[in-house]
Amino acid sequence: MTDDPFQCRCVLCHDYGDRDEADRVDLTIIENVQQHGWHVVMVPEDEIGPGFAYTIGLAHTHAAPELAMFGLDVHAMHRMLNGLGARVAAGAVLADGQRHPDVADGRQVALRQADLRWYRTFFGRAIGFYRRPPFPVLQVAWADMNDHFHWEEQAEEKHRESQPQLWLPPSKHPAGIWTTEL
């Protein structure tokens, strides 16, 4: 990611001449961004791996980073991302390195800037909306019941595998469920 300020190139800011080709999901995303300021994409857990969820529209509407969560129930992550989105809409500035104690059902979260090389793997609908990276994305990492994050040695093995470490380039990420599709 560069230090250049974000310049929105989304489908709402620029007519790329293909709006008539948008599918139902794209139209729902556009409608939610217009009505609410953002949309939350939910990708349920499947045989390949844990579920995840991410926002689309926070960068367009509020010049704020998009947010992504992994490894919890998608409906819970949807609720938490909407809560963080509401904070952004109320003027909060979310940034890399911040910790928030009251987001994940009584557990703290840490915000970490996602490496651009993960975008195609996880954020396809956001790429479709913004048309091209870079757009800012923060991973909302949640702590375990003992307040350890998944990158910390003290975290249980199950917790360490529950979320990717998107701030690392894919080539530096520990091998596991999050790297099987690379």
Protein backbone atom coordinates (compact mmCIF):
# COMPACT_ATOMS: atom_id res chain seq x y z
CA MET A 1 0.00 0.00 0.00
CA THR A 2 1.27 3.46 -0.75
CA ASP A 3 1.04 6.57 1.38
CA ASP A 4 -0.88 8.33 -1.41
CA PRO A 5 -4.36 9.45 -0.37
CA PHE A 6 -7.13 7.16 -1.54
CA GLN A 7 -8.83 8.28 -4.75
CA CYS A 8 -12.14 6.52 -5.22
CA ARG A 9 -12.54 4.87 -8.62
CA CYS A 10 -15.69 2.92 -7.73
CA VAL A 11 -18.68 2.23 -9.93
CA LEU A 12 -20.59 5.05 -8.22
CA CYS A 13 -17.89 7.68 -8.85
CA HIS A 14 -17.12 6.68 -12.44
CA ASP A 15 -19.29 5.34 -15.22
CA TYR A 16 -17.34 2.51 -16.79
CA GLY A 17 -20.12 1.84 -19.29
CA ASP A 18 -21.01 -1.56 -17.86
CA ARG A 19 -23.61 -0.81 -15.19
CA ASP A 20 -26.23 -2.63 -17.25
CA GLU A 21 -24.16 -5.81 -16.87
CA ALA A 22 -24.18 -5.75 -13.04
CA ASP A 23 -25.53 -8.93 -11.47
CA ARG A 24 -28.01 -9.04 -8.58
CA VAL A 25 -25.23 -9.15 -5.96
CA ASP A 26 -23.45 -6.13 -7.46
CA LEU A 27 -26.73 -4.21 -7.55
CA THR A 28 -27.37 -5.07 -3.89
CA ILE A 29 -23.89 -3.85 -2.95
CA ILE A 30 -24.43 -0.59 -4.85
CA GLU A 31 -27.86 -0.09 -3.27
CA ASN A 32 -26.56 -0.73 0.26
CA VAL A 33 -23.61 1.63 -0.22
CA GLN A 34 -25.97 4.33 -1.49
CA GLN A 35 -28.51 3.81 1.33
CA HIS A 36 -26.31 2.91 4.30
CA GLY A 37 -22.78 3.96 3.35
CA TRP A 38 -21.40 0.40 3.08
CA HIS A 39 -22.25 -3.23 2.47
CA VAL A 40 -20.98 -6.34 4.29
CA VAL A 41 -20.07 -9.37 2.18
CA MET A 42 -20.44 -12.63 4.14
CA VAL A 43 -18.57 -15.72 2.97
CA PRO A 44 -19.77 -18.69 5.02
CA GLU A 45 -17.56 -21.45 6.35
CA ASP A 46 -17.27 -24.37 3.93
CA GLU A 47 -15.20 -27.50 3.36
CA ILE A 48 -12.27 -25.32 2.24
CA GLY A 49 -12.06 -23.18 5.35
CA PRO A 50 -13.49 -20.81 7.95
CA GLY A 51 -15.92 -18.07 7.04
CA PHE A 52 -15.09 -14.42 6.69
CA ALA A 53 -16.79 -11.09 6.11
CA TYR A 54 -15.70 -7.71 4.79
CA THR A 55 -17.09 -4.28 4.06
CA ILE A 56 -17.44 -2.51 0.75
CA GLY A 57 -18.17 1.21 0.63
CA LEU A 58 -16.47 2.67 3.72
CA ALA A 59 -13.66 4.03 1.53
CA HIS A 60 -16.17 5.51 -0.94
CA THR A 61 -18.56 7.01 1.62
CA HIS A 62 -16.25 7.93 4.50
CA ALA A 63 -12.72 7.83 3.01
CA ALA A 64 -12.04 5.11 5.61
CA PRO A 65 -10.43 1.69 5.23
CA GLU A 66 -12.59 -1.29 4.40
CA LEU A 67 -12.73 -3.84 7.23
CA ALA A 68 -12.34 -7.63 7.12
CA MET A 69 -12.87 -10.31 9.79
CA PHE A 70 -12.20 -14.04 9.69
CA GLY A 71 -12.98 -17.20 11.62
CA LEU A 72 -16.16 -16.39 13.55
CA ASP A 73 -19.81 -16.95 12.65
CA VAL A 74 -20.49 -14.79 9.57
CA HIS A 75 -23.58 -13.24 11.15
CA ALA A 76 -21.59 -12.24 14.24
CA MET A 77 -18.86 -10.76 12.03
CA HIS A 78 -21.55 -8.93 10.02
CA ARG A 79 -22.87 -7.38 13.24
CA MET A 80 -19.36 -6.43 14.45
CA LEU A 81 -18.35 -4.91 11.11
CA ASN A 82 -21.58 -2.91 11.04
CA GLY A 83 -20.77 -1.69 14.56
CA LEU A 84 -17.33 -0.55 13.46
CA GLY A 85 -18.84 1.00 10.32
CA ALA A 86 -21.25 2.97 12.50
CA ARG A 87 -18.28 4.28 14.50
CA VAL A 88 -16.64 5.40 11.25
CA ALA A 89 -19.89 7.08 10.15
CA ALA A 90 -19.94 8.91 13.50
CA GLY A 91 -16.43 10.25 12.87
CA ALA A 92 -14.10 7.63 14.37
CA VAL A 93 -10.81 7.14 12.56
CA LEU A 94 -9.73 3.50 12.37
CA ALA A 95 -6.06 2.83 11.63
CA ASP A 96 -3.39 0.15 11.54
CA GLY A 97 -2.17 -0.83 15.00
CA GLN A 98 -5.22 0.30 16.96
CA ARG A 99 -6.83 -1.96 19.52
CA HIS A 100 -10.47 -1.76 20.52
CA PRO A 101 -11.71 -3.55 23.65
CA ASP A 102 -15.42 -3.66 22.97
CA VAL A 103 -16.02 -5.05 19.49
CA ALA A 104 -15.92 -8.86 19.43
CA ASP A 105 -18.44 -10.01 22.04
CA GLY A 106 -16.37 -8.82 25.00
CA ARG A 107 -13.01 -9.55 23.39
CA GLN A 108 -10.63 -6.95 22.09
CA VAL A 109 -9.71 -6.59 18.44
CA ALA A 110 -6.57 -5.30 16.77
CA LEU A 111 -6.59 -3.55 13.41
CA ARG A 112 -3.89 -4.55 10.94
CA GLN A 113 -3.37 -3.22 7.41
CA ALA A 114 -3.86 -5.93 4.79
CA ASP A 115 -1.14 -6.52 2.23
CA LEU A 116 -2.34 -5.79 -1.30
CA ARG A 117 -1.26 -9.25 -2.50
CA TRP A 118 -4.18 -10.87 -0.58
CA TYR A 119 -6.90 -8.80 -2.28
CA ARG A 120 -7.63 -11.14 -5.21
CA THR A 121 -7.85 -14.12 -2.85
CA PHE A 122 -10.37 -12.59 -0.44
CA PHE A 123 -11.87 -9.32 -1.72
CA GLY A 124 -13.14 -10.02 -5.24
CA ARG A 125 -16.45 -8.18 -4.85
CA ALA A 126 -14.62 -5.12 -3.47
CA ILE A 127 -12.28 -5.16 -6.47
CA GLY A 128 -15.37 -5.27 -8.69
CA PHE A 129 -16.87 -2.29 -6.87
CA TYR A 130 -13.69 -0.19 -6.73
CA ARG A 131 -12.54 -1.54 -10.10
CA ARG A 132 -8.94 -1.84 -9.02
CA PRO A 133 -6.77 -1.86 -5.98
CA PRO A 134 -5.43 -0.18 -4.07
CA PHE A 135 -8.22 0.59 -1.69
CA PRO A 136 -7.40 0.45 2.01
CA VAL A 137 -8.32 -2.70 3.99
CA LEU A 138 -7.82 -3.31 7.70
CA GLN A 139 -8.05 -6.81 9.11
CA VAL A 140 -10.06 -6.82 12.34
CA ALA A 141 -8.24 -9.53 14.30
CA TRP A 142 -9.96 -10.83 17.41
CA ALA A 143 -8.35 -12.10 20.59
CA ASP A 144 -9.09 -15.45 22.20
CA MET A 145 -10.78 -15.82 25.60
CA ASN A 146 -7.40 -15.31 27.30
CA ASP A 147 -6.85 -12.04 25.39
CA HIS A 148 -4.18 -13.49 23.07
CA PHE A 149 -4.12 -12.71 19.37
CA HIS A 150 -3.57 -15.42 16.78
CA TRP A 151 -0.03 -14.30 15.98
CA GLU A 152 1.09 -14.54 19.62
CA GLU A 153 2.91 -17.66 20.85
CA GLN A 154 0.61 -17.87 23.90
CA ALA A 155 -2.47 -18.34 21.70
CA GLU A 156 -3.87 -21.84 21.43
CA GLU A 157 -3.11 -23.62 18.16
CA LYS A 158 -6.79 -23.63 17.15
CA HIS A 159 -6.93 -19.84 17.59
CA ARG A 160 -3.68 -19.33 15.64
CA GLU A 161 -5.30 -21.07 12.65
CA SER A 162 -8.68 -19.30 12.95
CA GLN A 163 -7.56 -16.15 11.11
CA PRO A 164 -5.01 -15.29 8.45
CA GLN A 165 -2.25 -12.74 8.98
CA LEU A 166 -3.11 -10.50 6.04
CA TRP A 167 -0.51 -7.89 6.98
CA LEU A 168 2.16 -10.42 5.92
CA PRO A 169 2.86 -10.96 2.24
CA PRO A 170 1.44 -14.35 1.18
CA SER A 171 4.97 -15.68 0.67
CA LYS A 172 5.78 -14.96 4.35
CA HIS A 173 2.48 -16.27 5.78
CA PRO A 174 2.69 -19.50 7.79
CA ALA A 175 1.48 -22.46 5.71
CA GLY A 176 -2.03 -23.57 6.57
CA ILE A 177 -5.69 -23.29 5.66
CA TRP A 178 -5.34 -19.65 4.60
CA THR A 179 -2.57 -20.38 2.09
CA THR A 180 -3.99 -23.51 0.42
CA GLU A 181 -5.65 -21.48 -2.36
CA LEU A 182 -2.49 -19.53 -3.25
